[in-house]
């Protein structure tokens, strides 16, 4: 019973950060599953894909209703990221748990740094290129190859992070959609949820049956609570200062990163 209550409380916290800030909260799913819900790192990075995928799918549907999702662009970017997701998911099965958690603590620091940078300056895409394709075949073949290379590299990295560590990678997807595809920030945030849904589903399919299966009941509770928390957070966002919410979440990220490093690094050096 205590374990189930922890799953609900942690899920609500994850969802609140997702709903209030528009992303970032799912990166905490792995530490929650490991340190609060007694999953191994291998189990946690698999279970996290369920939390990330379901919350992203529901968020994408909601954003689509508001007109903030370009489904075709999201599916194309997600399809490009599939190779990275497959490679990351397969690599995770051969990495010790302590290495996974040490890598995860580093990722949390990167996410925190990205949040600081984004608070100081938003990505500047220049002229919008929503209707400007990267590849054209009619009347003649043409390729905006520098943009195509940016998309390929970023999508592969995002997919690999999702498959390897069970995270969404929205902190990379949104700037990539803004800078490489020329999307305005709001559609980029909504479209990124489509990308994360695709990569999470791919990584979960690759991991199925190839590694330790999570204890699914706490994962389901965490997911349901996260969805409920996101719904609440979206309604709280307009009543609380976004800057204060971001500062609080940034502090939480740094604290979790430090705790994860303290737990994982001694085992690596011993």
Protein backbone atom coordinates (compact mmCIF):
# COMPACT_ATOMS: atom_id res chain seq x y z
CA UNK A 1 0.00 0.00 0.00
CA UNK A 2 2.80 2.43 0.90
CA UNK A 3 4.48 1.69 -2.44
CA UNK A 4 1.26 2.45 -4.29
CA UNK A 5 0.78 5.74 -2.44
CA UNK A 6 4.36 6.72 -3.32
CA UNK A 7 3.65 5.95 -6.99
CA UNK A 8 0.54 8.15 -6.99
CA UNK A 9 2.27 11.03 -5.17
CA UNK A 10 5.32 10.88 -7.47
CA UNK A 11 3.12 10.66 -10.56
CA UNK A 12 1.16 13.72 -9.52
CA UNK A 13 4.41 15.64 -9.07
CA UNK A 14 5.67 14.56 -12.50
CA UNK A 15 2.38 15.48 -14.10
CA UNK A 16 2.20 18.84 -12.37
CA UNK A 17 5.58 19.82 -13.78
CA UNK A 18 4.59 18.58 -17.24
CA UNK A 19 1.27 20.40 -17.22
CA UNK A 20 2.51 23.63 -15.67
CA UNK A 21 5.79 23.94 -17.59
CA UNK A 22 4.94 22.11 -20.80
CA UNK A 23 7.67 19.49 -20.41
CA UNK A 24 10.64 18.32 -18.42
CA UNK A 25 8.83 16.40 -15.72
CA UNK A 26 9.10 13.01 -17.40
CA UNK A 27 12.88 13.11 -16.99
CA UNK A 28 12.30 12.42 -13.30
CA UNK A 29 10.42 9.17 -13.93
CA UNK A 30 13.55 6.99 -13.85
CA UNK A 31 14.87 8.28 -10.48
CA UNK A 32 11.38 7.94 -9.04
CA UNK A 33 11.09 4.33 -10.21
CA UNK A 34 14.57 3.44 -8.92
CA UNK A 35 14.79 5.25 -5.60
CA UNK A 36 11.14 5.45 -4.51
CA UNK A 37 9.54 2.41 -6.15
CA UNK A 38 12.39 -0.13 -5.83
CA UNK A 39 12.88 -0.87 -9.54
CA UNK A 40 16.30 -1.73 -10.93
CA UNK A 41 17.80 0.79 -13.42
CA UNK A 42 17.04 -1.60 -16.27
CA UNK A 43 13.43 -1.98 -15.15
CA UNK A 44 13.08 1.76 -14.53
CA UNK A 45 14.32 2.87 -17.95
CA UNK A 46 11.80 0.48 -19.54
CA UNK A 47 8.92 1.48 -17.27
CA UNK A 48 9.72 5.15 -17.82
CA UNK A 49 8.98 4.71 -21.53
CA UNK A 50 5.36 3.92 -20.63
CA UNK A 51 5.08 7.06 -18.49
CA UNK A 52 6.76 9.21 -21.14
CA UNK A 53 4.86 7.71 -24.08
CA UNK A 54 1.38 7.85 -22.56
CA UNK A 55 1.70 11.40 -21.19
CA UNK A 56 3.19 12.60 -24.49
CA UNK A 57 0.38 10.98 -26.51
CA UNK A 58 -2.31 12.58 -24.38
CA UNK A 59 -0.48 15.90 -24.49
CA UNK A 60 -0.20 15.66 -28.29
CA UNK A 61 -3.95 15.00 -28.64
CA UNK A 62 -4.72 18.00 -26.41
CA UNK A 63 -2.30 20.24 -28.31
CA UNK A 64 -3.75 19.04 -31.63
CA UNK A 65 -7.21 20.15 -30.57
CA UNK A 66 -5.77 23.60 -29.89
CA UNK A 67 -4.14 23.68 -33.33
CA UNK A 68 -0.58 23.52 -32.00
CA UNK A 69 0.59 20.27 -33.62
CA UNK A 70 1.93 19.64 -37.13
CA UNK A 71 1.32 15.90 -37.24
CA UNK A 72 3.14 15.27 -40.51
CA UNK A 73 6.30 17.03 -39.36
CA UNK A 74 6.19 15.24 -36.02
CA UNK A 75 5.78 11.81 -37.61
CA UNK A 76 8.58 12.50 -40.10
CA UNK A 77 10.97 13.62 -37.36
CA UNK A 78 9.92 10.67 -35.19
CA UNK A 79 10.50 8.23 -38.06
CA UNK A 80 13.99 9.69 -38.52
CA UNK A 81 14.65 9.14 -34.80
CA UNK A 82 13.64 5.47 -34.88
CA UNK A 83 17.12 4.18 -35.73
CA UNK A 84 18.58 5.99 -32.71
CA UNK A 85 15.79 4.68 -30.48
CA UNK A 86 16.44 1.09 -31.57
CA UNK A 87 20.21 1.39 -31.05
CA UNK A 88 19.77 3.07 -27.67
CA UNK A 89 17.29 0.47 -26.44
CA UNK A 90 19.57 -2.39 -27.46
CA UNK A 91 22.64 -0.77 -25.92
CA UNK A 92 20.86 -0.29 -22.58
CA UNK A 93 20.46 -4.05 -22.20
CA UNK A 94 24.26 -4.45 -22.08
CA UNK A 95 25.10 -1.61 -19.67
CA UNK A 96 25.37 -2.09 -15.88
CA UNK A 97 22.74 -0.35 -13.79
CA UNK A 98 25.25 1.91 -12.04
CA UNK A 99 26.48 3.17 -15.42
CA UNK A 100 22.90 3.89 -16.47
CA UNK A 101 22.23 5.92 -13.33
CA UNK A 102 25.53 7.80 -13.58
CA UNK A 103 24.66 8.70 -17.16
CA UNK A 104 21.23 9.73 -15.99
CA UNK A 105 22.64 12.10 -13.38
CA UNK A 106 24.68 13.73 -16.14
CA UNK A 107 21.58 14.02 -18.30
CA UNK A 108 19.70 15.77 -15.48
CA UNK A 109 22.48 18.36 -15.30
CA UNK A 110 22.25 18.88 -19.07
CA UNK A 111 18.48 19.37 -18.84
CA UNK A 112 18.97 21.86 -16.00
CA UNK A 113 21.54 23.78 -18.07
CA UNK A 114 19.18 23.78 -21.06
CA UNK A 115 16.42 25.22 -18.88
CA UNK A 116 18.71 28.01 -17.69
CA UNK A 117 19.71 28.87 -21.27
CA UNK A 118 16.10 28.79 -22.44
CA UNK A 119 15.05 31.13 -19.64
CA UNK A 120 17.67 33.66 -20.73
CA UNK A 121 17.03 33.46 -24.45
CA UNK A 122 14.47 31.64 -26.56
CA UNK A 123 15.55 29.97 -29.81
CA UNK A 124 15.36 32.43 -32.74
CA UNK A 125 14.35 30.61 -35.90
CA UNK A 126 14.40 33.64 -38.19
CA UNK A 127 11.85 33.49 -41.04
CA UNK A 128 9.25 30.78 -40.57
CA UNK A 129 9.69 27.79 -42.92
CA UNK A 130 6.60 25.77 -42.00
CA UNK A 131 5.69 25.20 -45.66
CA UNK A 132 9.27 25.00 -46.95
CA UNK A 133 10.09 21.28 -47.51
CA UNK A 134 13.55 19.83 -46.98
CA UNK A 135 13.18 17.46 -49.94
CA UNK A 136 11.23 18.07 -53.17
CA UNK A 137 10.83 15.70 -56.11
CA UNK A 138 8.64 17.78 -58.43
CA UNK A 139 9.25 19.38 -60.84
CA UNK A 140 12.87 18.48 -60.09
CA UNK A 141 14.67 16.91 -57.13
CA UNK A 142 16.00 19.44 -54.62
CA UNK A 143 17.48 19.06 -51.15
CA UNK A 144 17.99 21.60 -48.37
CA UNK A 145 20.88 19.41 -47.22
CA UNK A 146 22.22 21.50 -44.29
CA UNK A 147 18.76 21.46 -42.71
CA UNK A 148 18.37 17.76 -43.51
CA UNK A 149 21.67 17.01 -41.76
CA UNK A 150 20.61 18.98 -38.67
CA UNK A 151 17.35 17.03 -38.52
CA UNK A 152 19.10 13.68 -39.02
CA UNK A 153 21.70 14.27 -36.30
CA UNK A 154 19.29 15.73 -33.76
CA UNK A 155 16.62 13.09 -34.38
CA UNK A 156 19.16 10.28 -33.98
CA UNK A 157 20.46 11.73 -30.70
CA UNK A 158 16.91 12.18 -29.39
CA UNK A 159 16.00 8.62 -30.34
CA UNK A 160 19.15 7.22 -28.74
CA UNK A 161 18.48 9.08 -25.48
CA UNK A 162 14.90 7.82 -25.43
CA UNK A 163 15.93 4.23 -26.07
CA UNK A 164 18.93 4.22 -23.74
CA UNK A 165 17.66 6.18 -20.73
CA UNK A 166 13.88 6.07 -21.15
CA UNK A 167 13.46 9.86 -21.43
CA UNK A 168 11.48 11.97 -23.87
CA UNK A 169 14.20 14.34 -25.02
CA UNK A 170 11.84 17.30 -25.42
CA UNK A 171 14.60 19.65 -24.30
CA UNK A 172 16.37 18.71 -27.57
CA UNK A 173 13.35 18.19 -29.83
CA UNK A 174 11.82 21.64 -29.35
CA UNK A 175 14.97 23.64 -30.25
CA UNK A 176 15.59 21.26 -33.18
CA UNK A 177 12.10 21.84 -34.58
CA UNK A 178 12.52 25.59 -34.11
CA UNK A 179 16.01 25.90 -35.59
CA UNK A 180 16.09 23.15 -38.22
CA UNK A 181 12.48 23.20 -39.41
CA UNK A 182 11.74 26.87 -38.75
CA UNK A 183 8.66 26.20 -36.61
CA UNK A 184 7.35 28.84 -34.22
CA UNK A 185 7.87 27.89 -30.57
CA UNK A 186 4.26 26.94 -29.72
CA UNK A 187 3.75 24.50 -32.64
CA UNK A 188 7.26 23.14 -32.01
CA UNK A 189 6.36 22.31 -28.39
CA UNK A 190 3.15 20.56 -29.47
CA UNK A 191 4.78 18.74 -32.38
CA UNK A 192 7.60 17.51 -30.13
CA UNK A 193 5.03 15.44 -28.24
CA UNK A 194 4.31 13.47 -31.43
CA UNK A 195 8.04 12.81 -31.83
CA UNK A 196 8.38 11.64 -28.23
CA UNK A 197 5.36 9.35 -28.57
CA UNK A 198 6.89 7.68 -31.65
CA UNK A 199 10.36 7.23 -30.14
CA UNK A 200 9.01 5.98 -26.81
CA UNK A 201 6.79 3.39 -28.49
CA UNK A 202 9.69 2.23 -30.67
CA UNK A 203 12.10 1.89 -27.75
CA UNK A 204 9.49 0.06 -25.67
CA UNK A 205 8.83 -2.40 -28.50
CA UNK A 206 12.57 -3.12 -28.83
CA UNK A 207 13.00 -3.60 -25.07
CA UNK A 208 9.97 -5.91 -24.75
CA UNK A 209 11.19 -9.37 -23.84
CA UNK A 210 14.88 -8.47 -24.09
CA UNK A 211 15.56 -7.23 -20.56
CA UNK A 212 14.20 -7.23 -17.02
CA UNK A 213 10.48 -6.51 -17.02
CA UNK A 214 9.37 -3.75 -14.64
CA UNK A 215 6.93 -4.30 -11.83
CA UNK A 216 4.07 -3.00 -13.96
CA UNK A 217 1.55 -2.11 -11.25
CA UNK A 218 3.58 0.83 -9.81
CA UNK A 219 4.38 1.91 -13.39
CA UNK A 220 0.67 2.00 -14.27
CA UNK A 221 -0.15 3.94 -11.10
CA UNK A 222 2.68 6.38 -11.82
CA UNK A 223 1.42 6.89 -15.37
CA UNK A 224 -2.22 7.44 -14.40
CA UNK A 225 -1.21 9.86 -11.64
CA UNK A 226 1.10 11.72 -14.05
CA UNK A 227 -1.75 12.20 -16.52
CA UNK A 228 -3.99 13.51 -13.73
CA UNK A 229 -1.21 15.76 -12.48
CA UNK A 230 -0.64 17.15 -15.99
CA UNK A 231 -4.33 18.04 -16.22
CA UNK A 232 -4.11 19.86 -12.88
CA UNK A 233 -0.80 21.51 -13.77
CA UNK A 234 -2.17 22.93 -17.02
CA UNK A 235 -4.85 24.73 -15.00
CA UNK A 236 -2.44 25.90 -12.31
CA UNK A 237 -0.02 27.35 -14.87
CA UNK A 238 -2.10 30.46 -15.53
CA UNK A 239 -2.37 31.31 -11.83
CA UNK A 240 1.25 30.89 -10.71
CA UNK A 241 4.33 32.72 -11.97
CA UNK A 242 6.05 30.59 -14.64
CA UNK A 243 9.42 31.92 -13.49
CA UNK A 244 8.78 30.65 -9.96
CA UNK A 245 7.63 27.27 -11.23
CA UNK A 246 10.73 26.95 -13.41
CA UNK A 247 13.01 27.94 -10.54
CA UNK A 248 11.41 25.36 -8.25
CA UNK A 249 11.66 22.63 -10.88
CA UNK A 250 15.27 23.58 -11.65
CA UNK A 251 16.14 23.20 -7.98
CA UNK A 252 14.42 19.82 -7.90
CA UNK A 253 16.36 18.67 -10.98
CA UNK A 254 19.69 19.66 -9.43
CA UNK A 255 18.84 17.94 -6.15
CA UNK A 256 17.83 14.72 -7.92
CA UNK A 257 20.96 14.87 -10.12
CA UNK A 258 23.19 15.24 -7.04
CA UNK A 259 21.42 12.40 -5.21
CA UNK A 260 21.63 10.12 -8.26
CA UNK A 261 25.34 10.86 -8.69
CA UNK A 262 26.05 10.18 -5.00
CA UNK A 263 24.25 6.84 -5.24
CA UNK A 264 25.77 5.70 -8.56
CA UNK A 265 29.33 7.01 -8.70
CA UNK A 266 30.79 5.22 -5.64
CA UNK A 267 29.81 1.86 -7.16
CA UNK A 268 31.56 2.82 -10.42
CA UNK A 269 34.88 3.75 -8.82
CA UNK A 270 34.99 0.86 -6.35
